[in-house]
C-alpha atoms as a PDB file:
ATOM      1  CA  UNK A   1      47.251 -14.220  15.442  1.00  0.00           C
ATOM      2  CA  UNK A   2      47.644 -16.915  18.101  1.00  0.00           C
ATOM      3  CA  UNK A   3      51.251 -18.045  18.064  1.00  0.00           C
ATOM      4  CA  UNK A   4      50.298 -21.347  19.039  1.00  0.00           C
ATOM      5  CA  UNK A   5      48.616 -21.906  15.550  1.00  0.00           C
ATOM      6  CA  UNK A   6      52.105 -21.466  14.060  1.00  0.00           C
ATOM      7  CA  UNK A   7      53.990 -23.907  16.031  1.00  0.00           C
ATOM      8  CA  UNK A   8      54.630 -27.487  15.471  1.00  0.00           C
ATOM      9  CA  UNK A   9      56.544 -29.709  17.726  1.00  0.00           C
ATOM     10  CA  UNK A  10      58.313 -32.568  16.212  1.00  0.00           C
ATOM     11  CA  UNK A  11      57.655 -35.749  18.528  1.00  0.00           C
ATOM     12  CA  UNK A  12      61.171 -37.328  17.489  1.00  0.00           C
ATOM     13  CA  UNK A  13      61.150 -39.757  20.295  1.00  0.00           C
ATOM     14  CA  UNK A  14      60.365 -43.394  20.270  1.00  0.00           C
ATOM     15  CA  UNK A  15      57.963 -44.190  23.143  1.00  0.00           C
ATOM     16  CA  UNK A  16      54.189 -43.468  23.157  1.00  0.00           C
ATOM     17  CA  UNK A  17      54.418 -42.429  26.880  1.00  0.00           C
ATOM     18  CA  UNK A  18      57.276 -39.913  26.031  1.00  0.00           C
ATOM     19  CA  UNK A  19      55.241 -38.453  23.496  1.00  0.00           C
ATOM     20  CA  UNK A  20      52.478 -38.337  25.635  1.00  0.00           C
ATOM     21  CA  UNK A  21      54.535 -36.478  28.223  1.00  0.00           C
ATOM     22  CA  UNK A  22      55.663 -33.929  25.679  1.00  0.00           C
ATOM     23  CA  UNK A  23      52.297 -33.222  24.180  1.00  0.00           C
ATOM     24  CA  UNK A  24      50.514 -32.764  27.812  1.00  0.00           C
ATOM     25  CA  UNK A  25      53.197 -30.269  28.953  1.00  0.00           C
ATOM     26  CA  UNK A  26      53.331 -28.406  25.828  1.00  0.00           C
ATOM     27  CA  UNK A  27      49.841 -28.305  24.328  1.00  0.00           C
ATOM     28  CA  UNK A  28      48.754 -24.774  26.000  1.00  0.00           C
ATOM     29  CA  UNK A  29      51.444 -23.302  23.885  1.00  0.00           C
ATOM     30  CA  UNK A  30      51.663 -25.664  20.624  1.00  0.00           C
ATOM     31  CA  UNK A  31      49.192 -26.071  18.207  1.00  0.00           C
ATOM     32  CA  UNK A  32      50.349 -28.933  16.053  1.00  0.00           C
ATOM     33  CA  UNK A  33      52.332 -32.005  16.797  1.00  0.00           C
ATOM     34  CA  UNK A  34      54.449 -33.845  14.137  1.00  0.00           C
ATOM     35  CA  UNK A  35      54.263 -37.592  13.991  1.00  0.00           C
ATOM     36  CA  UNK A  36      57.040 -39.346  12.194  1.00  0.00           C
ATOM     37  CA  UNK A  37      58.351 -42.663  11.180  1.00  0.00           C
ATOM     38  CA  UNK A  38      58.977 -43.696  14.831  1.00  0.00           C
ATOM     39  CA  UNK A  39      55.396 -43.942  15.519  1.00  0.00           C
ATOM     40  CA  UNK A  40      54.230 -45.546  12.074  1.00  0.00           C
ATOM     41  CA  UNK A  41      52.556 -48.444  14.075  1.00  0.00           C
ATOM     42  CA  UNK A  42      50.873 -46.242  16.566  1.00  0.00           C
ATOM     43  CA  UNK A  43      49.568 -43.218  14.086  1.00  0.00           C
ATOM     44  CA  UNK A  44      45.774 -43.932  15.365  1.00  0.00           C
ATOM     45  CA  UNK A  45      46.593 -43.963  19.010  1.00  0.00           C
ATOM     46  CA  UNK A  46      49.062 -41.091  19.050  1.00  0.00           C
ATOM     47  CA  UNK A  47      46.668 -39.102  16.720  1.00  0.00           C
ATOM     48  CA  UNK A  48      43.691 -39.667  19.320  1.00  0.00           C
ATOM     49  CA  UNK A  49      46.130 -38.641  22.191  1.00  0.00           C
ATOM     50  CA  UNK A  50      46.982 -35.344  20.609  1.00  0.00           C
ATOM     51  CA  UNK A  51      43.666 -34.544  19.609  1.00  0.00           C
ATOM     52  CA  UNK A  52      42.339 -35.230  23.333  1.00  0.00           C
ATOM     53  CA  UNK A  53      44.892 -32.774  24.476  1.00  0.00           C
ATOM     54  CA  UNK A  54      43.550 -30.276  22.065  1.00  0.00           C
ATOM     55  CA  UNK A  55      46.298 -30.310  19.311  1.00  0.00           C
ATOM     56  CA  UNK A  56      46.220 -30.919  15.585  1.00  0.00           C
ATOM     57  CA  UNK A  57      48.267 -34.030  13.873  1.00  0.00           C
ATOM     58  CA  UNK A  58      50.764 -33.486  11.363  1.00  0.00           C
ATOM     59  CA  UNK A  59      51.654 -36.786   9.902  1.00  0.00           C
ATOM     60  CA  UNK A  60      54.959 -36.716   8.573  1.00  0.00           C
ATOM     61  CA  UNK A  61      55.511 -39.886   6.594  1.00  0.00           C
ATOM     62  CA  UNK A  62      56.608 -37.975   3.004  1.00  0.00           C
ATOM     63  CA  UNK A  63      54.749 -40.264   1.022  1.00  0.00           C
ATOM     64  CA  UNK A  64      56.716 -40.936  -2.358  1.00  0.00           C
ATOM     65  CA  UNK A  65      55.719 -43.574  -4.868  1.00  0.00           C
ATOM     66  CA  UNK A  66      53.606 -44.246  -7.971  1.00  0.00           C
ATOM     67  CA  UNK A  67      50.383 -42.196  -7.967  1.00  0.00           C
ATOM     68  CA  UNK A  68      48.217 -45.210  -7.308  1.00  0.00           C
ATOM     69  CA  UNK A  69      50.219 -46.211  -4.100  1.00  0.00           C
ATOM     70  CA  UNK A  70      50.525 -42.921  -2.686  1.00  0.00           C
ATOM     71  CA  UNK A  71      46.631 -41.920  -3.338  1.00  0.00           C
ATOM     72  CA  UNK A  72      45.771 -45.270  -1.273  1.00  0.00           C
ATOM     73  CA  UNK A  73      48.115 -44.091   1.350  1.00  0.00           C
ATOM     74  CA  UNK A  74      46.313 -40.689   1.495  1.00  0.00           C
ATOM     75  CA  UNK A  75      42.880 -42.626   1.969  1.00  0.00           C
ATOM     76  CA  UNK A  76      44.349 -44.345   5.063  1.00  0.00           C
ATOM     77  CA  UNK A  77      45.717 -40.940   6.475  1.00  0.00           C
ATOM     78  CA  UNK A  78      42.217 -39.450   6.058  1.00  0.00           C
ATOM     79  CA  UNK A  79      40.621 -42.370   7.888  1.00  0.00           C
ATOM     80  CA  UNK A  80      43.083 -42.148  10.746  1.00  0.00           C
ATOM     81  CA  UNK A  81      41.879 -38.407  11.223  1.00  0.00           C
ATOM     82  CA  UNK A  82      45.180 -36.512  10.944  1.00  0.00           C
ATOM     83  CA  UNK A  83      45.157 -32.851  10.056  1.00  0.00           C
ATOM     84  CA  UNK A  84      48.039 -32.678   7.831  1.00  0.00           C
ATOM     85  CA  UNK A  85      50.171 -35.043   5.902  1.00  0.00           C
ATOM     86  CA  UNK A  86      52.980 -34.558   3.528  1.00  0.00           C
ATOM     87  CA  UNK A  87      54.173 -36.090   0.094  1.00  0.00           C
ATOM     88  CA  UNK A  88      57.222 -35.489  -2.068  1.00  0.00           C
ATOM     89  CA  UNK A  89      56.801 -33.064  -4.694  1.00  0.00           C
ATOM     90  CA  UNK A  90      59.417 -34.968  -6.858  1.00  0.00           C
ATOM     91  CA  UNK A  91      56.591 -37.576  -7.201  1.00  0.00           C
ATOM     92  CA  UNK A  92      55.297 -35.363  -9.903  1.00  0.00           C
ATOM     93  CA  UNK A  93      52.124 -33.556 -10.568  1.00  0.00           C
ATOM     94  CA  UNK A  94      49.983 -36.367 -11.377  1.00  0.00           C
ATOM     95  CA  UNK A  95      51.026 -38.101  -8.130  1.00  0.00           C
ATOM     96  CA  UNK A  96      49.978 -34.780  -6.162  1.00  0.00           C
ATOM     97  CA  UNK A  97      46.821 -34.585  -7.929  1.00  0.00           C
ATOM     98  CA  UNK A  98      45.568 -38.087  -7.762  1.00  0.00           C
ATOM     99  CA  UNK A  99      46.368 -37.906  -3.810  1.00  0.00           C
ATOM    100  CA  UNK A 100      44.614 -34.647  -3.303  1.00  0.00           C
ATOM    101  CA  UNK A 101      41.309 -36.199  -5.178  1.00  0.00           C
ATOM    102  CA  UNK A 102      41.727 -39.261  -3.075  1.00  0.00           C
ATOM    103  CA  UNK A 103      41.819 -37.568   0.163  1.00  0.00           C
ATOM    104  CA  UNK A 104      38.682 -35.724  -0.821  1.00  0.00           C
ATOM    105  CA  UNK A 105      36.684 -38.686  -1.929  1.00  0.00           C
ATOM    106  CA  UNK A 106      37.747 -40.516   1.243  1.00  0.00           C
ATOM    107  CA  UNK A 107      36.704 -37.566   3.507  1.00  0.00           C
ATOM    108  CA  UNK A 108      33.209 -37.537   1.765  1.00  0.00           C
ATOM    109  CA  UNK A 109      32.964 -41.443   2.379  1.00  0.00           C
ATOM    110  CA  UNK A 110      33.345 -41.155   6.127  1.00  0.00           C
ATOM    111  CA  UNK A 111      31.675 -37.715   6.539  1.00  0.00           C
ATOM    112  CA  UNK A 112      34.740 -35.676   7.739  1.00  0.00           C
ATOM    113  CA  UNK A 113      36.946 -33.171   6.688  1.00  0.00           C
ATOM    114  CA  UNK A 114      40.081 -33.680   4.348  1.00  0.00           C
ATOM    115  CA  UNK A 115      43.526 -33.238   5.729  1.00  0.00           C
ATOM    116  CA  UNK A 116      45.694 -30.629   4.352  1.00  0.00           C
ATOM    117  CA  UNK A 117      48.277 -31.884   2.061  1.00  0.00           C
ATOM    118  CA  UNK A 118      51.952 -30.324   1.838  1.00  0.00           C
ATOM    119  CA  UNK A 119      54.607 -31.030  -0.539  1.00  0.00           C
ATOM    120  CA  UNK A 120      58.026 -31.646   0.581  1.00  0.00           C
ATOM    121  CA  UNK A 121      60.403 -29.686  -1.599  1.00  0.00           C
ATOM    122  CA  UNK A 122      64.209 -30.176  -0.796  1.00  0.00           C
ATOM    123  CA  UNK A 123      65.004 -31.748   2.837  1.00  0.00           C
ATOM    124  CA  UNK A 124      66.705 -29.252   5.233  1.00  0.00           C
ATOM    125  CA  UNK A 125      69.547 -31.792   5.572  1.00  0.00           C
ATOM    126  CA  UNK A 126      70.237 -31.422   2.013  1.00  0.00           C
ATOM    127  CA  UNK A 127      72.569 -28.323   0.866  1.00  0.00           C
ATOM    128  CA  UNK A 128      73.876 -26.750  -2.397  1.00  0.00           C
ATOM    129  CA  UNK A 129      76.854 -29.010  -2.474  1.00  0.00           C
ATOM    130  CA  UNK A 130      74.669 -32.394  -1.920  1.00  0.00           C
ATOM    131  CA  UNK A 131      72.017 -31.432  -4.472  1.00  0.00           C
ATOM    132  CA  UNK A 132      74.768 -30.578  -7.118  1.00  0.00           C
ATOM    133  CA  UNK A 133      77.485 -33.257  -6.746  1.00  0.00           C
ATOM    134  CA  UNK A 134      75.402 -36.096  -5.453  1.00  0.00           C
ATOM    135  CA  UNK A 135      71.606 -35.595  -6.758  1.00  0.00           C
ATOM    136  CA  UNK A 136      73.122 -33.953 -10.014  1.00  0.00           C
ATOM    137  CA  UNK A 137      70.179 -31.024  -9.728  1.00  0.00           C
ATOM    138  CA  UNK A 138      72.174 -28.041 -11.056  1.00  0.00           C
ATOM    139  CA  UNK A 139      69.707 -25.598 -11.625  1.00  0.00           C
ATOM    140  CA  UNK A 140      70.261 -23.997  -8.081  1.00  0.00           C
ATOM    141  CA  UNK A 141      69.082 -25.056  -4.896  1.00  0.00           C
ATOM    142  CA  UNK A 142      66.608 -22.008  -4.514  1.00  0.00           C
ATOM    143  CA  UNK A 143      65.532 -22.365  -8.284  1.00  0.00           C
ATOM    144  CA  UNK A 144      64.843 -25.921  -7.657  1.00  0.00           C
ATOM    145  CA  UNK A 145      62.632 -25.495  -4.344  1.00  0.00           C
ATOM    146  CA  UNK A 146      60.693 -22.550  -6.091  1.00  0.00           C
ATOM    147  CA  UNK A 147      60.097 -24.860  -9.028  1.00  0.00           C
ATOM    148  CA  UNK A 148      58.901 -27.609  -6.992  1.00  0.00           C
ATOM    149  CA  UNK A 149      56.676 -25.472  -4.979  1.00  0.00           C
ATOM    150  CA  UNK A 150      54.935 -24.230  -8.409  1.00  0.00           C
ATOM    151  CA  UNK A 151      54.260 -27.690  -9.163  1.00  0.00           C
ATOM    152  CA  UNK A 152      52.618 -28.542  -5.852  1.00  0.00           C
ATOM    153  CA  UNK A 153      50.582 -25.119  -6.325  1.00  0.00           C
ATOM    154  CA  UNK A 154      49.385 -26.508  -9.823  1.00  0.00           C
ATOM    155  CA  UNK A 155      48.489 -29.683  -8.467  1.00  0.00           C
ATOM    156  CA  UNK A 156      46.117 -27.821  -5.698  1.00  0.00           C
ATOM    157  CA  UNK A 157      47.980 -28.620  -2.640  1.00  0.00           C
ATOM    158  CA  UNK A 158      47.873 -26.537   0.486  1.00  0.00           C
ATOM    159  CA  UNK A 159      51.563 -25.571   0.501  1.00  0.00           C
ATOM    160  CA  UNK A 160      54.901 -26.892   0.777  1.00  0.00           C
ATOM    161  CA  UNK A 161      57.576 -27.972   3.427  1.00  0.00           C
ATOM    162  CA  UNK A 162      60.766 -25.906   2.770  1.00  0.00           C
ATOM    163  CA  UNK A 163      63.709 -24.384   4.392  1.00  0.00           C
ATOM    164  CA  UNK A 164      63.395 -20.912   5.894  1.00  0.00           C
ATOM    165  CA  UNK A 165      65.984 -19.668   3.214  1.00  0.00           C
ATOM    166  CA  UNK A 166      63.358 -20.232   0.326  1.00  0.00           C
ATOM    167  CA  UNK A 167      60.351 -18.595   2.012  1.00  0.00           C
ATOM    168  CA  UNK A 168      60.576 -15.309   0.515  1.00  0.00           C
ATOM    169  CA  UNK A 169      61.179 -16.841  -2.854  1.00  0.00           C
ATOM    170  CA  UNK A 170      58.185 -19.293  -2.842  1.00  0.00           C
ATOM    171  CA  UNK A 171      55.886 -16.813  -1.369  1.00  0.00           C
ATOM    172  CA  UNK A 172      56.714 -14.414  -4.188  1.00  0.00           C
ATOM    173  CA  UNK A 173      56.300 -17.157  -6.781  1.00  0.00           C
ATOM    174  CA  UNK A 174      53.114 -18.744  -5.394  1.00  0.00           C
ATOM    175  CA  UNK A 175      51.365 -15.993  -3.592  1.00  0.00           C
ATOM    176  CA  UNK A 176      50.687 -15.447   0.298  1.00  0.00           C
ATOM    177  CA  UNK A 177      47.713 -17.763   0.413  1.00  0.00           C
ATOM    178  CA  UNK A 178      50.191 -20.711  -0.392  1.00  0.00           C
ATOM    179  CA  UNK A 179      51.157 -21.972   3.037  1.00  0.00           C
ATOM    180  CA  UNK A 180      54.622 -22.800   4.080  1.00  0.00           C
ATOM    181  CA  UNK A 181      55.677 -25.362   6.671  1.00  0.00           C
ATOM    182  CA  UNK A 182      59.366 -24.641   7.817  1.00  0.00           C
ATOM    183  CA  UNK A 183      61.483 -27.191   9.579  1.00  0.00           C
ATOM    184  CA  UNK A 184      64.788 -26.652  10.950  1.00  0.00           C
ATOM    185  CA  UNK A 185      63.915 -23.740  13.218  1.00  0.00           C
ATOM    186  CA  UNK A 186      66.382 -22.977  16.077  1.00  0.00           C
ATOM    187  CA  UNK A 187      65.542 -20.265  18.544  1.00  0.00           C
ATOM    188  CA  UNK A 188      67.895 -17.623  19.449  1.00  0.00           C
ATOM    189  CA  UNK A 189      68.700 -19.173  22.590  1.00  0.00           C
ATOM    190  CA  UNK A 190      69.886 -22.558  20.994  1.00  0.00           C
ATOM    191  CA  UNK A 191      72.939 -22.561  18.714  1.00  0.00           C
ATOM    192  CA  UNK A 192      73.264 -26.072  18.078  1.00  0.00           C
ATOM    193  CA  UNK A 193      72.190 -27.293  14.678  1.00  0.00           C
ATOM    194  CA  UNK A 194      73.053 -30.528  14.583  1.00  0.00           C
ATOM    195  CA  UNK A 195      72.021 -32.431  11.244  1.00  0.00           C
ATOM    196  CA  UNK A 196      70.276 -29.582   9.795  1.00  0.00           C
ATOM    197  CA  UNK A 197      72.162 -27.648   7.493  1.00  0.00           C
ATOM    198  CA  UNK A 198      69.742 -24.736   6.647  1.00  0.00           C
ATOM    199  CA  UNK A 199      68.430 -23.675   9.893  1.00  0.00           C
ATOM    200  CA  UNK A 200      66.634 -20.270  10.436  1.00  0.00           C
ATOM    201  CA  UNK A 201      65.390 -18.219  13.756  1.00  0.00           C
ATOM    202  CA  UNK A 202      61.792 -18.256  14.544  1.00  0.00           C
ATOM    203  CA  UNK A 203      61.645 -14.383  14.316  1.00  0.00           C
ATOM    204  CA  UNK A 204      63.197 -14.411  10.695  1.00  0.00           C
ATOM    205  CA  UNK A 205      61.282 -17.240   9.476  1.00  0.00           C
ATOM    206  CA  UNK A 206      57.761 -15.524  10.563  1.00  0.00           C
ATOM    207  CA  UNK A 207      58.896 -12.156   9.116  1.00  0.00           C
ATOM    208  CA  UNK A 208      59.777 -13.647   5.939  1.00  0.00           C
ATOM    209  CA  UNK A 209      56.258 -15.451   5.559  1.00  0.00           C
ATOM    210  CA  UNK A 210      56.431 -18.918   7.129  1.00  0.00           C
ATOM    211  CA  UNK A 211      53.159 -20.285   8.309  1.00  0.00           C
ATOM    212  CA  UNK A 212      53.881 -23.244  10.572  1.00  0.00           C
ATOM    213  CA  UNK A 213      57.491 -23.485  12.223  1.00  0.00           C
ATOM    214  CA  UNK A 214      58.572 -27.225  13.145  1.00  0.00           C
ATOM    215  CA  UNK A 215      60.644 -27.225  16.311  1.00  0.00           C
ATOM    216  CA  UNK A 216      61.992 -30.557  17.784  1.00  0.00           C
ATOM    217  CA  UNK A 217      65.313 -30.573  19.869  1.00  0.00           C
ATOM    218  CA  UNK A 218      65.269 -27.098  21.550  1.00  0.00           C
ATOM    219  CA  UNK A 219      61.960 -28.131  23.279  1.00  0.00           C
ATOM    220  CA  UNK A 220      62.484 -32.028  23.713  1.00  0.00           C
ATOM    221  CA  UNK A 221      66.184 -31.490  24.995  1.00  0.00           C
ATOM    222  CA  UNK A 222      65.021 -28.610  27.363  1.00  0.00           C
ATOM    223  CA  UNK A 223      65.159 -29.466  31.080  1.00  0.00           C
ATOM    224  CA  UNK A 224      61.473 -28.214  31.030  1.00  0.00           C
ATOM    225  CA  UNK A 225      59.394 -28.789  28.242  1.00  0.00           C
ATOM    226  CA  UNK A 226      56.844 -26.682  29.008  1.00  0.00           C
ATOM    227  CA  UNK A 227      59.268 -23.641  29.841  1.00  0.00           C
ATOM    228  CA  UNK A 228      60.876 -24.050  26.341  1.00  0.00           C
ATOM    229  CA  UNK A 229      57.548 -24.069  24.620  1.00  0.00           C
ATOM    230  CA  UNK A 230      56.402 -21.024  26.653  1.00  0.00           C
ATOM    231  CA  UNK A 231      59.666 -19.188  25.745  1.00  0.00           C
ATOM    232  CA  UNK A 232      59.189 -20.190  22.011  1.00  0.00           C
ATOM    233  CA  UNK A 233      55.429 -19.053  22.228  1.00  0.00           C
ATOM    234  CA  UNK A 234      56.298 -15.648  23.488  1.00  0.00           C
ATOM    235  CA  UNK A 235      59.444 -15.220  21.197  1.00  0.00           C
ATOM    236  CA  UNK A 236      57.028 -15.879  18.155  1.00  0.00           C
ATOM    237  CA  UNK A 237      54.377 -13.426  19.702  1.00  0.00           C
ATOM    238  CA  UNK A 238      56.628 -10.648  19.691  1.00  0.00           C
ATOM    239  CA  UNK A 239      57.359 -11.075  16.113  1.00  0.00           C
ATOM    240  CA  UNK A 240      53.583 -10.342  14.895  1.00  0.00           C
END
């Protein structure tokens, strides 16, 4: 396995030139680049730039609305040529199914490949206390995440976005072919966790069954983006 195919750099910056600098410096070691809401007005141009550097685009807009609205957004994402995009599993099975159908339909219309769709389960900034006390979901964090993953699988999606803490349980419930994107990854050489409450090391996440690891600050904040990406690449490489 090539570690590059398992690493996604979150482009959590605000300027196109800054994102371009990050992609150019790290694309030798990183296969996916996450484009979030800070670039909602530049998705096409930043996607073209990522593809020109040999990377793949993970559009992280977390679509969540009525089925018709989300399925229309999916058509736009397909036309933009992104490789992955995500939607919220709490939008329900119908929303997820209709989004998948619209993506395939639009890909056929333009003669391209449909992007993979992943459902967001519970954000890694949410812990058990927040889920119970604020959101009033009291079936337990782990059980709730596995339940939402099951809905995403039933709807036919590629996989889900989840914390590393739920990887084993989801793989057990949904099977090894159901893919998992895991944010909140912090290498051993970075102890800071900031606003992420449920973090995981790359080694542990991969061993538990994670398929794509999302890393942001450990590379963005590094003095050398390239050296940090290379270090993460080799850390994952020794895990396989």
